[in-house]
């Protein structure tokens, strides 16, 4: 059961909104901060006092102001908090909507849930809280959609490189020169064309412009 929660959110309106949601859920103890350094400090002090937090709810982007901070954003806060308290459950509440980016937080930071700031986010926060309380992960719809595409085609580093070059405006015929210069294989034009054809075929895209747009939307590049 989650009894004690810490909210790290630098926008006052969003901070208050999360507090109100936790009130509805009848969470006994809720603390909130506007800076990542303060969040880590509270986690450390609570642990020493034997009153550790059960859940950290954090944004990813924290705007800089007059106050210098050692921890600049949510990703760094998550990593630092996990070093101090490995069993701390973490729920990210952010406007970030790129599926690949969100998915990376589950894979690389092992977060317990993600809720995007959008319509009906208060309801989704409640749903996420209830799942996490049962030791379950809460995945947003974007991640489920991304996973479906990943199952259709797993993008390799080579794929990301050649698609990124297209996105930068480099013509397909000039990509082999870049690959050869950077010792990336295969570097032949036929290999590049074959790879593009293969990926477009998986997603039923008729041209590379559609492929680039899709990869940007998904956060793959």
Foldseek 3Di string as FASTA:
>chain_A
DFQEEEEAAQDPVVQVLVVVLVVVVVRHYYHYDDDLVVVLVVQLVCVVVVNHGQEYEYEFAHDDDPDDDPQGGDVSSLVSSCVRPVNHAYEYEYQDDQLVVVVCCCVPSVHQEYFHPDPPSSVVVNVQVVQVVVVHGYYDPLNVVVVVVCVLPPQDPVNLVLLVCVVVVNDLVCQLVVCVVVVHPPSDSVVSVVVQVVSCVSVVHPDSVVVSVVCVSNVVD
